[in-house]
Protein backbone atom coordinates (compact mmCIF):
# COMPACT_ATOMS: atom_id res chain seq x y z
CA UNK A 1 132.98 69.10 93.79
CA UNK A 2 132.72 72.89 93.66
CA UNK A 3 129.28 72.72 92.05
CA UNK A 4 127.95 70.45 94.83
CA UNK A 5 129.37 72.71 97.53
CA UNK A 6 128.01 75.83 95.86
CA UNK A 7 124.57 74.25 95.42
CA UNK A 8 124.40 73.26 99.11
CA UNK A 9 125.61 76.74 100.11
CA UNK A 10 122.89 78.42 98.01
CA UNK A 11 120.23 76.10 99.47
CA UNK A 12 121.41 76.93 102.99
CA UNK A 13 121.33 80.68 102.31
CA UNK A 14 117.82 80.40 100.81
CA UNK A 15 116.59 78.38 103.81
CA UNK A 16 118.05 80.91 106.26
CA UNK A 17 116.51 83.81 104.31
CA UNK A 18 113.08 82.14 104.28
CA UNK A 19 113.36 81.47 108.02
CA UNK A 20 114.15 85.13 108.70
CA UNK A 21 111.18 86.27 106.59
CA UNK A 22 108.86 83.80 108.34
CA UNK A 23 110.08 84.95 111.78
CA UNK A 24 109.56 88.61 110.80
CA UNK A 25 106.01 87.85 109.61
CA UNK A 26 105.29 85.97 112.84
CA UNK A 27 106.64 88.89 114.87
CA UNK A 28 104.49 91.34 112.94
CA UNK A 29 101.37 89.29 113.42
CA UNK A 30 102.11 88.99 117.13
CA UNK A 31 102.64 92.76 117.41
CA UNK A 32 99.54 93.37 115.30
CA UNK A 33 97.51 91.07 117.54
CA UNK A 34 98.71 92.95 120.64
CA UNK A 35 97.78 96.27 118.97
CA UNK A 36 94.28 95.02 118.13
CA UNK A 37 93.81 93.76 121.69
CA UNK A 38 94.78 97.21 123.02
CA UNK A 39 92.33 98.89 120.65
CA UNK A 40 89.52 96.49 121.58
CA UNK A 41 90.17 97.04 125.29
CA UNK A 42 88.94 100.65 124.99
CA UNK A 43 85.48 100.83 126.55
CA UNK A 44 83.87 102.38 123.46
CA UNK A 45 85.14 99.63 121.12
CA UNK A 46 83.78 96.09 121.03
CA UNK A 47 86.15 94.63 118.44
CA UNK A 48 88.90 95.51 115.96
CA UNK A 49 90.45 93.70 112.99
CA UNK A 50 92.86 94.49 110.21
CA UNK A 51 91.55 93.29 106.86
CA UNK A 52 93.47 93.97 103.67
CA UNK A 53 94.50 97.61 104.10
CA UNK A 54 91.75 98.60 106.55
CA UNK A 55 91.54 98.76 110.32
CA UNK A 56 87.93 97.71 110.96
CA UNK A 57 86.47 99.03 114.22
CA UNK A 58 83.23 97.80 115.77
CA UNK A 59 82.17 100.42 118.36
CA UNK A 60 80.04 99.45 121.34
CA UNK A 61 76.39 99.68 120.20
CA UNK A 62 75.25 101.69 123.20
CA UNK A 63 77.74 104.53 122.55
CA UNK A 64 78.35 104.42 118.80
CA UNK A 65 75.85 107.21 118.03
CA UNK A 66 77.73 109.72 120.19
CA UNK A 67 81.33 108.98 119.21
CA UNK A 68 83.63 111.51 117.56
CA UNK A 69 84.78 109.34 114.65
CA UNK A 70 87.08 111.99 113.24
CA UNK A 71 89.01 112.28 116.52
CA UNK A 72 89.14 108.49 116.85
CA UNK A 73 90.35 108.19 113.24
CA UNK A 74 93.11 110.72 113.84
CA UNK A 75 94.23 108.82 116.95
CA UNK A 76 94.08 105.38 115.31
CA UNK A 77 95.94 106.60 112.21
CA UNK A 78 98.99 107.45 114.30
CA UNK A 79 100.04 103.80 113.95
CA UNK A 80 98.93 103.06 110.39
CA UNK A 81 102.48 102.64 109.05
CA UNK A 82 103.48 100.29 111.84
CA UNK A 83 100.49 97.95 111.51
CA UNK A 84 99.99 98.41 107.76
CA UNK A 85 96.53 99.78 107.22
CA UNK A 86 95.56 102.80 105.15
CA UNK A 87 92.03 103.52 106.31
CA UNK A 88 89.90 103.08 109.43
CA UNK A 89 86.37 101.78 108.90
CA UNK A 90 83.88 102.28 111.71
CA UNK A 91 81.11 99.70 111.39
CA UNK A 92 77.54 99.81 112.74
CA UNK A 93 77.53 97.25 115.56
CA UNK A 94 73.83 97.78 116.35
CA UNK A 95 72.75 97.07 112.77
CA UNK A 96 74.95 94.00 112.60
CA UNK A 97 73.64 92.58 115.87
CA UNK A 98 70.03 93.31 114.94
CA UNK A 99 69.96 92.42 111.22
CA UNK A 100 73.30 90.68 110.56
CA UNK A 101 73.92 93.40 107.98
CA UNK A 102 77.32 95.05 107.63
CA UNK A 103 77.00 98.83 107.33
CA UNK A 104 79.78 101.37 107.62
CA UNK A 105 79.14 104.36 109.87
CA UNK A 106 82.16 106.33 108.76
CA UNK A 107 85.65 105.90 107.34
CA UNK A 108 88.83 107.82 107.97
CA UNK A 109 91.73 107.81 105.50
CA UNK A 110 95.13 107.69 107.18
CA UNK A 111 97.26 108.85 104.25
CA UNK A 112 98.08 112.52 104.20
CA UNK A 113 97.31 114.56 101.10
CA UNK A 114 100.30 114.73 98.78
């Protein structure tokens, strides 16, 4: 009888642990989605995504040539630990719209030098 009880107890603990992990992942993705929506709501940014370890920014084509990417990178990197990205990639929206070609304008590394 003890083995059966112990086995059910372990299964219950594992199920609860998996539920907690799933809820945490859902909460992170919800917070991440809200962060990306805030970033994309800035008038100079058309779209934003987090892919692998990169925050990918698509600036508005009409203003992308005059943006200060270093200042934007500094600002966006303030939250890199929270939303789990290590670099900000600024992509060429004009080139993509015109030629469907993905070209990076500039990147900004969020990690500080050791």
